[in-house]
């Protein structure tokens, strides 16, 4: 991969037959369908690489067989998981679909409810769809949501599952921890925890943000910064009294996590603009869950690294909306509303670096535009890989222009960003929630743009070599042509590509069974009249749609439901 600081790879191309641009764009619908000749010309010049239009085809738009990484793509849409080949032919399906991923044994691990913002637990299905494992979080005050990962716990020499769960905080706990009483009351407050369970459903380790808070309001509390010190002296902890954001329900809204077996570490992303690295293996005590939890709650569980918004620990400038809106600034904030933080896997180009889908929310010196960022947290100000984490402000920033032909000011980009992708069109490629990216063995990157159901693969220099539009909608069924529609109509939360030699696919029947629209059609939904209780004309919560809204524990089992504003 290109290791120059913030190399912006951009993917668009002009079609000599039509003169239209082929930007990777969220509103990519609008092909010429009136005549087959025009359509052929469009296809031949790869205009499928998404330009602004209001009507267009779904499923496979483009496939460069020489440059794309051949394999099978897994994604979920409105309650069903699909595994498709490169031509968009379905090879297997499962009757569940939130944020699934294949396990090495060919099983699928997913949530028990089709809503990434909140669910009761997890289930594992075999290749044929039979349930082989289920876990339910039944503890009072715990609410699983968004992401999880099956790992091999080296201390136990056994598989375990890590997941994100919001954990309830009482008003009394908040005040005792040093929350500013002037911002209270703190009713219904929550802060995310990372929970680890074994295959018997027993909690074997747990880490909680609340245990790693710092504050400069109450000198009589144990987590007070100390005389002559400030929040900036504690980058390994989170400020309990963030300016403008009092502790409340779903305070951090963490949406992704990953485990690095080589480092024994976990990375966690918060939609508020930061991701954090913590020590897992060094705080795990085999056979003694209480000791593990206690160790993770202590100094050994403080952040090893954080990236995204140094103003949150008073080592950078915050975003500011100025009177002259054209000069509003993101300060030193690098990511906004981001998703899918993870380490690039060993053996792949960029191995050991972080890869994240930067949704691009609340970055005032950019138009609303998403990007993929690759970050090397070991780089110092001289661009040297130190082999250990370097605080991003110490690595420094450089001024870049994020958008061409706009009135936006220069953006301060971290020197730890070593590669990025965004479309050349500053109106293109934007997912306001969800989404993800995956580094592939040939150096390409698979991108899933959630709100438009847009999956595409880009090379290191930003060329789009495979592109697919999810045809499955909740309201209209599966469609070959998608008209102008609201965001989330055909949403895909995340997607994964598996090579033909992946262990999960060994010995499996991968016979193409037809496209989704031809062989697995979904009928349009008949709208019920609004009003009344569920089952009497009310609207059910939207599965895998409706946005990353706040969620709230139910009264009995401790799970979550999506609350409509």
Protein backbone atom coordinates (compact mmCIF):
# COMPACT_ATOMS: atom_id res chain seq x y z
CA UNK A 1 0.00 0.00 0.00
CA UNK A 2 1.04 3.59 -0.50
CA UNK A 3 2.55 4.74 2.76
CA UNK A 4 2.68 8.47 2.04
CA UNK A 5 0.75 10.58 4.57
CA UNK A 6 -2.91 10.93 3.64
CA UNK A 7 -2.67 9.77 0.06
CA UNK A 8 -6.12 10.45 -1.32
CA UNK A 9 -7.06 7.75 -3.77
CA UNK A 10 -10.07 8.87 -5.75
CA UNK A 11 -12.18 6.84 -8.08
CA UNK A 12 -14.00 8.32 -11.00
CA UNK A 13 -13.63 8.15 -14.73
CA UNK A 14 -15.21 9.78 -17.77
CA UNK A 15 -17.19 7.78 -20.29
CA UNK A 16 -16.20 8.68 -23.86
CA UNK A 17 -19.55 7.43 -25.15
CA UNK A 18 -21.74 9.59 -22.97
CA UNK A 19 -19.48 12.23 -21.46
CA UNK A 20 -20.88 11.39 -18.05
CA UNK A 21 -18.67 10.96 -15.05
CA UNK A 22 -18.50 7.69 -13.19
CA UNK A 23 -17.95 8.86 -9.64
CA UNK A 24 -18.48 6.50 -6.72
CA UNK A 25 -21.66 8.20 -5.56
CA UNK A 26 -24.38 7.40 -3.14
CA UNK A 27 -27.09 8.48 -5.61
CA UNK A 28 -25.73 6.42 -8.48
CA UNK A 29 -29.10 5.65 -9.99
CA UNK A 30 -29.94 6.86 -13.45
CA UNK A 31 -28.81 4.73 -16.34
CA UNK A 32 -30.03 5.17 -19.88
CA UNK A 33 -32.66 2.48 -20.22
CA UNK A 34 -34.67 3.74 -23.18
CA UNK A 35 -32.60 1.91 -25.75
CA UNK A 36 -30.44 -1.18 -25.48
CA UNK A 37 -27.70 0.44 -27.54
CA UNK A 38 -27.35 3.29 -25.08
CA UNK A 39 -27.31 0.87 -22.19
CA UNK A 40 -24.58 -1.16 -23.87
CA UNK A 41 -22.52 2.01 -24.34
CA UNK A 42 -22.96 2.88 -20.70
CA UNK A 43 -21.84 -0.57 -19.65
CA UNK A 44 -18.89 -0.60 -21.99
CA UNK A 45 -17.46 2.63 -20.61
CA UNK A 46 -18.05 1.66 -16.97
CA UNK A 47 -20.37 4.53 -16.17
CA UNK A 48 -21.71 2.22 -13.50
CA UNK A 49 -19.19 3.75 -11.18
CA UNK A 50 -21.99 5.85 -9.81
CA UNK A 51 -22.96 9.29 -10.96
CA UNK A 52 -25.82 11.41 -9.68
CA UNK A 53 -29.17 10.23 -10.97
CA UNK A 54 -32.54 9.23 -9.60
CA UNK A 55 -33.32 5.90 -11.20
CA UNK A 56 -31.12 2.94 -11.96
CA UNK A 57 -30.49 -0.81 -11.88
CA UNK A 58 -29.62 -2.91 -8.88
CA UNK A 59 -27.34 -5.93 -8.39
CA UNK A 60 -24.09 -6.21 -10.37
CA UNK A 61 -23.09 -2.98 -12.11
CA UNK A 62 -19.44 -3.60 -12.89
CA UNK A 63 -16.79 -6.32 -12.55
CA UNK A 64 -13.21 -5.99 -13.75
CA UNK A 65 -12.20 -9.64 -13.66
CA UNK A 66 -8.49 -8.87 -13.95
CA UNK A 67 -8.28 -6.36 -11.10
CA UNK A 68 -11.00 -7.40 -8.64
CA UNK A 69 -10.30 -9.93 -5.89
CA UNK A 70 -12.33 -13.03 -6.77
CA UNK A 71 -14.39 -14.42 -3.93
CA UNK A 72 -17.80 -14.50 -2.29
CA UNK A 73 -19.47 -11.50 -0.68
CA UNK A 74 -21.61 -11.82 2.44
CA UNK A 75 -24.21 -9.22 3.38
CA UNK A 76 -27.57 -9.00 5.09
CA UNK A 77 -30.70 -7.15 4.03
CA UNK A 78 -33.93 -6.92 6.00
CA UNK A 79 -33.79 -10.24 7.79
CA UNK A 80 -31.95 -12.42 5.27
CA UNK A 81 -28.24 -13.05 4.81
CA UNK A 82 -26.94 -13.60 1.27
CA UNK A 83 -23.66 -15.07 0.07
CA UNK A 84 -23.12 -14.07 -3.56
CA UNK A 85 -20.39 -14.75 -6.10
CA UNK A 86 -18.67 -12.05 -8.12
CA UNK A 87 -21.44 -11.99 -10.74
CA UNK A 88 -24.12 -11.45 -8.10
CA UNK A 89 -25.38 -15.05 -8.18
CA UNK A 90 -26.57 -16.34 -4.80
CA UNK A 91 -24.78 -19.44 -3.49
CA UNK A 92 -26.41 -19.59 -0.03
CA UNK A 93 -28.86 -17.76 2.22
CA UNK A 94 -29.73 -17.76 5.91
CA UNK A 95 -32.97 -16.59 7.51
CA UNK A 96 -31.41 -13.97 9.74
CA UNK A 97 -29.68 -10.79 8.83
CA UNK A 98 -28.29 -7.97 10.96
CA UNK A 99 -24.49 -7.92 10.90
CA UNK A 100 -23.50 -11.52 10.05
CA UNK A 101 -20.04 -12.93 9.49
CA UNK A 102 -18.78 -16.37 8.50
CA UNK A 103 -16.85 -18.41 11.04
CA UNK A 104 -13.99 -20.70 9.92
CA UNK A 105 -16.26 -23.74 10.34
CA UNK A 106 -18.74 -22.39 7.78
CA UNK A 107 -21.28 -21.27 10.37
CA UNK A 108 -22.86 -17.82 10.55
CA UNK A 109 -22.73 -15.70 13.72
CA UNK A 110 -25.28 -12.93 14.00
CA UNK A 111 -27.61 -11.11 16.37
CA UNK A 112 -30.91 -12.65 17.37
CA UNK A 113 -32.79 -9.55 16.21
CA UNK A 114 -32.65 -7.67 12.91
CA UNK A 115 -31.64 -4.32 14.34
CA UNK A 116 -27.96 -3.42 14.85
CA UNK A 117 -28.87 -0.66 17.30
CA UNK A 118 -30.10 -3.19 19.83
CA UNK A 119 -30.77 -6.89 20.24
CA UNK A 120 -31.14 -9.54 22.90
CA UNK A 121 -28.18 -11.77 22.12
CA UNK A 122 -26.51 -13.88 19.46
CA UNK A 123 -27.10 -17.03 17.48
CA UNK A 124 -24.88 -19.29 15.43
CA UNK A 125 -26.34 -21.14 12.45
CA UNK A 126 -24.67 -23.89 10.44
CA UNK A 127 -24.40 -23.81 6.65
CA UNK A 128 -27.93 -25.20 6.25
CA UNK A 129 -29.44 -22.69 8.67
CA UNK A 130 -29.80 -24.91 11.74
CA UNK A 131 -29.17 -23.17 15.04
CA UNK A 132 -26.17 -24.65 16.88
CA UNK A 133 -25.53 -22.00 19.55
CA UNK A 134 -27.43 -19.17 21.20
CA UNK A 135 -26.57 -16.66 23.87
CA UNK A 136 -28.95 -14.26 25.59
CA UNK A 137 -27.82 -11.33 27.74
CA UNK A 138 -30.27 -11.54 30.63
CA UNK A 139 -28.53 -9.40 33.26
CA UNK A 140 -30.39 -6.34 34.45
CA UNK A 141 -28.92 -3.10 33.12
CA UNK A 142 -26.99 -4.61 30.20
CA UNK A 143 -28.05 -3.91 26.62
CA UNK A 144 -26.04 -5.49 23.75
CA UNK A 145 -25.85 -3.54 20.51
CA UNK A 146 -24.05 -3.05 17.21
CA UNK A 147 -21.02 -5.33 17.16
CA UNK A 148 -19.39 -8.51 18.38
CA UNK A 149 -16.52 -10.79 17.42
CA UNK A 150 -15.77 -14.47 17.98
CA UNK A 151 -12.15 -14.88 19.10
CA UNK A 152 -9.82 -17.63 20.26
CA UNK A 153 -9.03 -16.80 23.88
CA UNK A 154 -5.39 -17.81 24.22
CA UNK A 155 -5.48 -18.08 28.00
CA UNK A 156 -8.46 -20.44 27.89
CA UNK A 157 -7.42 -22.08 24.62
CA UNK A 158 -11.08 -21.92 23.65
CA UNK A 159 -13.44 -19.77 21.57
CA UNK A 160 -15.20 -16.86 23.25
CA UNK A 161 -17.40 -14.01 22.05
CA UNK A 162 -16.74 -10.32 22.70
CA UNK A 163 -19.59 -7.83 22.35
CA UNK A 164 -20.54 -4.23 23.06
CA UNK A 165 -23.22 -3.58 25.69
CA UNK A 166 -24.47 -0.37 27.19
CA UNK A 167 -24.43 -0.59 30.96
CA UNK A 168 -26.77 1.44 33.15
CA UNK A 169 -25.50 4.12 35.55
CA UNK A 170 -27.67 5.53 38.32
CA UNK A 171 -27.77 9.21 39.21
CA UNK A 172 -26.07 8.39 42.50
CA UNK A 173 -23.25 6.53 40.74
CA UNK A 174 -22.74 9.43 38.36
CA UNK A 175 -22.46 11.99 41.15
CA UNK A 176 -20.18 9.71 43.18
CA UNK A 177 -17.89 9.39 40.17
CA UNK A 178 -17.55 13.16 39.76
CA UNK A 179 -20.21 14.12 37.23
CA UNK A 180 -20.98 17.82 37.55
CA UNK A 181 -24.14 18.12 39.71
CA UNK A 182 -25.12 21.24 37.76
CA UNK A 183 -25.70 19.07 34.68
CA UNK A 184 -27.90 16.55 36.46
CA UNK A 185 -30.05 14.72 37.04
CA UNK A 186 -28.40 11.74 35.37
CA UNK A 187 -31.47 9.55 34.97
CA UNK A 188 -31.18 6.65 32.54
CA UNK A 189 -27.48 7.24 31.90
CA UNK A 190 -25.44 4.50 30.22
CA UNK A 191 -21.84 3.89 29.27
CA UNK A 192 -20.55 1.13 27.03
CA UNK A 193 -18.84 -2.00 28.30
CA UNK A 194 -17.08 -4.82 26.46
CA UNK A 195 -18.25 -8.24 27.64
CA UNK A 196 -16.66 -11.62 26.92
CA UNK A 197 -18.58 -14.88 27.26
CA UNK A 198 -17.51 -18.47 26.73
CA UNK A 199 -19.46 -21.05 24.75
CA UNK A 200 -21.46 -21.93 27.86
CA UNK A 201 -22.64 -18.33 28.16
CA UNK A 202 -20.55 -17.54 31.22
CA UNK A 203 -19.04 -14.05 31.52
CA UNK A 204 -15.27 -14.54 31.73
CA UNK A 205 -14.07 -10.92 31.32
CA UNK A 206 -15.54 -7.45 31.22
CA UNK A 207 -14.24 -3.92 30.68
CA UNK A 208 -16.25 -0.71 31.27
CA UNK A 209 -15.56 2.86 30.13
CA UNK A 210 -16.98 4.13 33.42
CA UNK A 211 -14.05 2.57 35.29
CA UNK A 212 -11.63 4.68 33.25
CA UNK A 213 -13.16 8.13 33.67
CA UNK A 214 -11.30 11.24 34.79
CA UNK A 215 -12.76 14.55 35.95
CA UNK A 216 -11.69 18.02 37.06
CA UNK A 217 -14.86 19.05 38.90
CA UNK A 218 -14.87 17.22 42.25
CA UNK A 219 -11.50 17.24 44.10
CA UNK A 220 -12.82 14.84 46.74
CA UNK A 221 -13.29 12.00 44.24
CA UNK A 222 -10.70 9.31 43.56
CA UNK A 223 -10.66 10.03 39.83
CA UNK A 224 -9.91 13.76 40.22
CA UNK A 225 -7.09 15.02 37.99
CA UNK A 226 -5.03 16.21 40.95
CA UNK A 227 -3.54 19.51 41.96
CA UNK A 228 -1.91 21.36 39.10
CA UNK A 229 -3.09 18.84 36.51
CA UNK A 230 -5.82 18.76 33.91
CA UNK A 231 -7.68 16.44 31.57
CA UNK A 232 -4.82 16.75 29.06
CA UNK A 233 -2.56 14.87 31.48
CA UNK A 234 -4.74 11.76 31.21
CA UNK A 235 -5.06 10.66 27.56
CA UNK A 236 -5.61 7.13 28.86
CA UNK A 237 -8.94 8.07 30.41
CA UNK A 238 -12.20 9.63 29.28
CA UNK A 239 -13.43 13.00 30.52
CA UNK A 240 -16.60 12.42 32.51
CA UNK A 241 -17.75 16.01 31.95
CA UNK A 242 -17.22 16.53 28.24
CA UNK A 243 -18.17 20.10 27.28
CA UNK A 244 -21.61 20.18 25.74
CA UNK A 245 -22.24 16.47 26.27
CA UNK A 246 -23.43 15.49 29.72
CA UNK A 247 -23.56 11.84 30.68
CA UNK A 248 -26.81 10.39 29.37
CA UNK A 249 -28.41 7.35 27.78
CA UNK A 250 -26.19 5.73 25.12
CA UNK A 251 -23.52 8.34 25.90
CA UNK A 252 -20.72 6.96 23.73
CA UNK A 253 -22.74 4.92 21.22
CA UNK A 254 -19.92 2.52 20.42
CA UNK A 255 -20.62 0.73 17.15
CA UNK A 256 -17.68 -1.55 16.35
CA UNK A 257 -14.85 -3.48 17.96
CA UNK A 258 -12.05 -5.82 16.97
CA UNK A 259 -9.49 -8.08 18.64
CA UNK A 260 -5.83 -8.36 17.65
CA UNK A 261 -4.53 -11.79 18.64
CA UNK A 262 -0.89 -10.83 18.06
CA UNK A 263 -1.10 -7.82 20.37
CA UNK A 264 -3.74 -9.20 22.72
CA UNK A 265 -5.62 -5.90 22.38
CA UNK A 266 -9.13 -4.68 21.61
CA UNK A 267 -10.07 -1.58 19.62
CA UNK A 268 -13.46 0.07 20.18
CA UNK A 269 -15.03 2.83 18.10
CA UNK A 270 -17.44 5.47 19.40
CA UNK A 271 -19.69 7.28 16.94
CA UNK A 272 -18.82 10.47 18.83
CA UNK A 273 -15.52 10.76 16.97
CA UNK A 274 -12.88 8.55 18.58
CA UNK A 275 -11.64 5.00 18.73
CA UNK A 276 -9.76 3.48 21.66
CA UNK A 277 -7.29 0.63 22.14
CA UNK A 278 -7.24 -1.35 25.38
CA UNK A 279 -5.33 -4.35 26.72
CA UNK A 280 -7.29 -7.59 26.82
CA UNK A 281 -4.79 -10.39 27.33
CA UNK A 282 -2.82 -8.47 29.96
CA UNK A 283 -5.96 -8.01 32.07
CA UNK A 284 -7.34 -11.53 31.64
CA UNK A 285 -6.93 -14.00 34.51
CA UNK A 286 -7.74 -17.53 33.36
CA UNK A 287 -10.27 -19.31 35.53
CA UNK A 288 -10.99 -16.26 37.68
CA UNK A 289 -13.58 -13.91 36.10
CA UNK A 290 -13.83 -11.61 39.17
CA UNK A 291 -10.06 -11.11 39.13
CA UNK A 292 -10.16 -10.43 35.38
CA UNK A 293 -12.90 -7.84 35.76
CA UNK A 294 -11.10 -6.17 38.65
CA UNK A 295 -7.83 -5.99 36.71
CA UNK A 296 -9.57 -4.59 33.63
CA UNK A 297 -11.16 -1.92 35.85
CA UNK A 298 -7.78 -0.74 37.12
CA UNK A 299 -4.92 1.23 35.54
CA UNK A 300 -4.00 -1.76 33.37
CA UNK A 301 -7.29 -1.21 31.56
CA UNK A 302 -6.67 2.45 30.66
CA UNK A 303 -6.48 3.39 26.98
CA UNK A 304 -3.25 2.43 25.24
CA UNK A 305 -4.10 4.66 22.28
CA UNK A 306 -6.92 6.85 21.05
CA UNK A 307 -7.53 8.55 17.71
CA UNK A 308 -10.05 10.90 16.24
CA UNK A 309 -10.70 14.00 18.35
CA UNK A 310 -7.91 15.17 20.68
CA UNK A 311 -10.07 18.04 21.92
CA UNK A 312 -11.90 15.43 23.98
CA UNK A 313 -8.81 15.19 26.16
CA UNK A 314 -7.78 18.83 25.73
CA UNK A 315 -4.87 18.22 23.36
CA UNK A 316 -6.44 19.73 20.24
CA UNK A 317 -8.90 22.26 18.87
CA UNK A 318 -12.59 21.30 18.80
CA UNK A 319 -14.87 21.79 15.79
CA UNK A 320 -16.27 25.31 15.55
CA UNK A 321 -19.10 26.81 13.55
CA UNK A 322 -18.01 30.35 12.75
CA UNK A 323 -20.12 33.36 11.81
CA UNK A 324 -18.79 33.02 8.28
CA UNK A 325 -20.00 29.45 7.68
CA UNK A 326 -17.57 28.93 4.81
CA UNK A 327 -14.70 29.03 7.29
CA UNK A 328 -16.16 26.76 9.95
CA UNK A 329 -13.59 24.23 11.03
CA UNK A 330 -13.33 20.67 12.30
CA UNK A 331 -10.36 21.67 14.42
CA UNK A 332 -8.19 18.61 14.94
CA UNK A 333 -11.13 16.21 14.67
CA UNK A 334 -10.40 13.48 12.11
CA UNK A 335 -13.48 11.25 12.04
CA UNK A 336 -17.19 11.90 12.38
CA UNK A 337 -19.84 9.25 12.99
CA UNK A 338 -17.35 6.55 11.94
CA UNK A 339 -17.98 2.77 11.85
CA UNK A 340 -16.22 -0.58 11.49
CA UNK A 341 -12.88 0.01 13.19
CA UNK A 342 -10.54 -2.96 12.88
CA UNK A 343 -6.95 -4.00 12.37
CA UNK A 344 -5.90 -5.06 8.88
CA UNK A 345 -5.23 -8.77 9.13
CA UNK A 346 -1.73 -10.33 9.09
CA UNK A 347 -0.43 -11.10 5.63
CA UNK A 348 -2.48 -8.37 3.94
CA UNK A 349 -1.14 -5.08 2.57
CA UNK A 350 -1.16 -2.65 5.48
CA UNK A 351 -1.22 -5.45 8.08
CA UNK A 352 -1.36 -4.10 11.62
CA UNK A 353 -2.76 -0.72 10.60
CA UNK A 354 -6.27 0.40 11.51
CA UNK A 355 -8.95 0.59 8.83
CA UNK A 356 -12.12 2.56 9.46
CA UNK A 357 -15.16 3.79 7.55
CA UNK A 358 -15.27 7.52 8.25
CA UNK A 359 -18.91 8.46 7.64
CA UNK A 360 -17.96 12.13 7.54
CA UNK A 361 -20.60 13.51 9.88
CA UNK A 362 -20.02 16.82 11.69
CA UNK A 363 -16.76 17.70 9.91
CA UNK A 364 -17.39 21.34 9.09
CA UNK A 365 -14.49 21.87 6.68
CA UNK A 366 -15.77 19.05 4.44
CA UNK A 367 -18.98 18.52 2.57
CA UNK A 368 -21.02 15.57 3.81
CA UNK A 369 -18.87 12.88 2.28
CA UNK A 370 -17.61 9.55 3.57
CA UNK A 371 -14.09 8.18 3.27
CA UNK A 372 -12.02 5.13 4.13
CA UNK A 373 -8.99 5.80 6.33
CA UNK A 374 -5.97 3.60 6.99
CA UNK A 375 -4.10 4.67 10.12
CA UNK A 376 -0.70 3.66 11.49
CA UNK A 377 -0.78 4.47 15.19
CA UNK A 378 2.96 3.84 15.53
CA UNK A 379 4.06 6.79 13.35
CA UNK A 380 5.83 9.73 14.98
CA UNK A 381 6.24 13.30 13.74
CA UNK A 382 9.11 12.26 11.44
CA UNK A 383 7.00 9.55 9.82
CA UNK A 384 9.01 6.81 11.52
CA UNK A 385 7.28 3.59 12.56
CA UNK A 386 8.30 3.41 16.22
CA UNK A 387 6.79 -0.01 16.91
CA UNK A 388 4.72 1.48 19.75
CA UNK A 389 1.70 3.75 19.96
CA UNK A 390 2.30 7.47 19.47
CA UNK A 391 -0.27 9.97 20.73
CA UNK A 392 -1.74 11.46 17.49
CA UNK A 393 -1.14 15.12 18.49
CA UNK A 394 2.55 14.27 18.94
CA UNK A 395 2.66 12.88 15.39
CA UNK A 396 1.32 16.15 14.06
CA UNK A 397 -0.95 17.28 11.24
CA UNK A 398 -0.75 18.60 7.72
CA UNK A 399 -3.13 20.89 5.88
CA UNK A 400 -5.01 19.35 2.97
CA UNK A 401 -7.98 20.36 0.87
CA UNK A 402 -10.63 17.71 1.39
CA UNK A 403 -12.99 19.02 -1.30
CA UNK A 404 -12.21 20.64 -4.62
CA UNK A 405 -14.15 23.62 -5.95
CA UNK A 406 -15.81 24.41 -2.63
CA UNK A 407 -15.52 27.32 -0.25
CA UNK A 408 -14.34 25.09 2.56
CA UNK A 409 -11.06 25.91 4.36
CA UNK A 410 -8.08 23.57 4.52
CA UNK A 411 -8.47 20.54 6.76
CA UNK A 412 -5.88 19.46 9.33
CA UNK A 413 -5.22 15.78 8.64
CA UNK A 414 -3.29 13.53 11.00
CA UNK A 415 0.11 12.39 9.75
CA UNK A 416 -0.81 8.93 11.03
CA UNK A 417 -3.29 8.57 8.14
CA UNK A 418 -1.29 6.65 5.53
CA UNK A 419 -3.99 5.97 2.92
CA UNK A 420 -7.51 7.10 2.22
CA UNK A 421 -10.26 6.74 -0.33
CA UNK A 422 -13.02 9.18 -1.16
CA UNK A 423 -14.83 9.91 -4.40
CA UNK A 424 -13.70 12.89 -6.45
CA UNK A 425 -17.22 14.26 -6.51
CA UNK A 426 -17.73 16.13 -3.26
CA UNK A 427 -21.41 15.24 -3.49
CA UNK A 428 -20.71 11.53 -3.80
CA UNK A 429 -20.21 8.47 -1.62
CA UNK A 430 -21.91 9.30 1.64
CA UNK A 431 -23.43 7.01 4.25
CA UNK A 432 -24.68 8.96 7.23
CA UNK A 433 -24.76 5.84 9.44
CA UNK A 434 -23.54 2.25 9.44
CA UNK A 435 -21.13 1.01 6.74
CA UNK A 436 -17.73 -0.66 6.67
CA UNK A 437 -14.58 -1.52 4.74
CA UNK A 438 -12.31 -4.56 4.39
CA UNK A 439 -8.76 -4.89 3.07
CA UNK A 440 -8.46 -7.72 0.55
CA UNK A 441 -5.44 -9.97 -0.18
CA UNK A 442 -4.64 -8.24 -3.48
CA UNK A 443 -4.44 -4.83 -1.79
CA UNK A 444 -7.89 -3.71 -2.87
CA UNK A 445 -10.49 -2.56 -0.36
CA UNK A 446 -14.12 -3.68 -0.24
CA UNK A 447 -16.46 -0.87 0.78
CA UNK A 448 -20.02 -1.12 2.08
CA UNK A 449 -21.94 2.17 2.01
CA UNK A 450 -24.86 1.37 4.30
CA UNK A 451 -27.60 3.89 3.58
CA UNK A 452 -27.68 3.25 -0.18
CA UNK A 453 -26.96 -0.49 -0.13
CA UNK A 454 -23.88 0.24 -2.23
CA UNK A 455 -21.04 -2.32 -2.25
CA UNK A 456 -17.90 -1.66 -4.26
CA UNK A 457 -14.24 -2.64 -4.45
CA UNK A 458 -11.47 -0.11 -5.06
CA UNK A 459 -7.78 -0.54 -5.88
CA UNK A 460 -5.02 1.18 -3.92
CA UNK A 461 -5.13 4.08 -6.38
CA UNK A 462 -8.91 4.42 -6.14
CA UNK A 463 -10.13 2.62 -9.26
CA UNK A 464 -13.52 0.95 -8.82
CA UNK A 465 -13.20 -2.65 -10.05
CA UNK A 466 -16.42 -4.21 -8.73
CA UNK A 467 -19.75 -2.61 -7.90
CA UNK A 468 -23.06 -3.98 -6.67
CA UNK A 469 -26.34 -2.45 -5.48
CA UNK A 470 -28.45 -4.35 -2.96
CA UNK A 471 -31.85 -5.01 -4.59
CA UNK A 472 -33.66 -5.92 -1.36
CA UNK A 473 -35.90 -3.26 0.15
CA UNK A 474 -38.27 -3.49 3.06
CA UNK A 475 -41.20 -1.73 1.42
CA UNK A 476 -40.88 -2.52 -2.28
CA UNK A 477 -39.54 -6.05 -2.06
CA UNK A 478 -36.62 -6.99 -4.30
CA UNK A 479 -36.36 -4.72 -7.32
CA UNK A 480 -34.37 -4.67 -10.54
CA UNK A 481 -34.78 -0.91 -10.94
CA UNK A 482 -34.61 1.33 -7.89
CA UNK A 483 -36.43 4.63 -8.11
CA UNK A 484 -35.57 7.72 -6.09
CA UNK A 485 -36.04 6.60 -2.48
CA UNK A 486 -35.25 7.70 1.04
CA UNK A 487 -31.96 6.61 2.66
CA UNK A 488 -31.99 3.13 4.24
CA UNK A 489 -34.50 1.81 1.67
CA UNK A 490 -32.04 -0.90 0.62
CA UNK A 491 -29.55 -0.52 3.46
CA UNK A 492 -26.69 -2.93 4.14
CA UNK A 493 -25.00 -2.46 7.52
CA UNK A 494 -21.75 -4.25 6.58
CA UNK A 495 -20.32 -6.64 3.98
CA UNK A 496 -17.44 -9.13 3.88
CA UNK A 497 -15.53 -10.79 1.02
CA UNK A 498 -14.25 -14.37 1.46
CA UNK A 499 -11.73 -15.93 -0.90
CA UNK A 500 -12.54 -19.31 -2.51
CA UNK A 501 -9.86 -20.92 -0.32
CA UNK A 502 -11.35 -19.62 2.95
CA UNK A 503 -11.85 -22.46 5.50
CA UNK A 504 -15.55 -21.58 5.82
CA UNK A 505 -16.11 -22.47 2.18
CA UNK A 506 -14.15 -25.71 2.08
CA UNK A 507 -16.33 -28.57 0.83
CA UNK A 508 -19.42 -26.34 0.52
CA UNK A 509 -21.86 -26.36 -2.36
CA UNK A 510 -21.19 -23.03 -4.07
CA UNK A 511 -23.34 -23.65 -7.12
CA UNK A 512 -24.79 -20.35 -8.42
CA UNK A 513 -28.55 -20.37 -7.89
CA UNK A 514 -29.48 -17.16 -9.68
CA UNK A 515 -29.59 -13.51 -8.70
CA UNK A 516 -31.64 -12.28 -5.77
CA UNK A 517 -34.27 -10.66 -7.97
CA UNK A 518 -34.63 -13.73 -10.20
CA UNK A 519 -34.23 -16.67 -7.83
CA UNK A 520 -34.93 -15.21 -4.37
CA UNK A 521 -37.58 -12.53 -4.93
CA UNK A 522 -39.05 -10.67 -2.00
CA UNK A 523 -42.62 -9.45 -2.31
CA UNK A 524 -43.54 -5.81 -1.63
CA UNK A 525 -44.86 -5.12 1.82
CA UNK A 526 -48.50 -4.15 2.19
CA UNK A 527 -48.63 -1.02 4.31
CA UNK A 528 -50.96 -1.16 7.28
CA UNK A 529 -52.87 1.86 8.45
CA UNK A 530 -50.98 3.88 11.00
CA UNK A 531 -52.08 4.14 14.61
CA UNK A 532 -53.08 1.66 17.25
CA UNK A 533 -50.99 -0.99 18.90
CA UNK A 534 -48.69 -3.40 17.12
CA UNK A 535 -50.82 -6.00 15.40
CA UNK A 536 -53.64 -3.47 15.17
CA UNK A 537 -52.33 -1.22 12.43
CA UNK A 538 -49.17 0.20 13.99
CA UNK A 539 -45.81 0.29 12.23
CA UNK A 540 -43.19 -2.15 13.44
CA UNK A 541 -39.70 -0.82 14.20
CA UNK A 542 -37.69 -0.67 10.99
CA UNK A 543 -35.20 -3.54 10.77
CA UNK A 544 -31.69 -2.48 9.83
CA UNK A 545 -32.98 0.97 9.06
CA UNK A 546 -34.10 4.27 10.46
CA UNK A 547 -30.69 5.45 11.60
CA UNK A 548 -28.41 5.03 14.57
CA UNK A 549 -31.00 6.36 16.95
CA UNK A 550 -30.83 6.13 20.68
CA UNK A 551 -31.88 2.86 22.22
CA UNK A 552 -33.23 1.97 25.61
CA UNK A 553 -33.32 -1.18 27.75
CA UNK A 554 -36.66 -2.92 28.01
CA UNK A 555 -38.13 -3.65 31.41
CA UNK A 556 -37.55 -7.39 31.59
CA UNK A 557 -34.74 -9.06 29.68
CA UNK A 558 -32.28 -6.15 29.48
CA UNK A 559 -32.24 -6.03 25.67
CA UNK A 560 -32.86 -3.02 23.50
CA UNK A 561 -35.50 -1.63 21.24
CA UNK A 562 -35.20 1.24 18.82
CA UNK A 563 -36.95 4.32 20.14
CA UNK A 564 -38.51 6.62 17.58
CA UNK A 565 -38.12 10.31 18.38
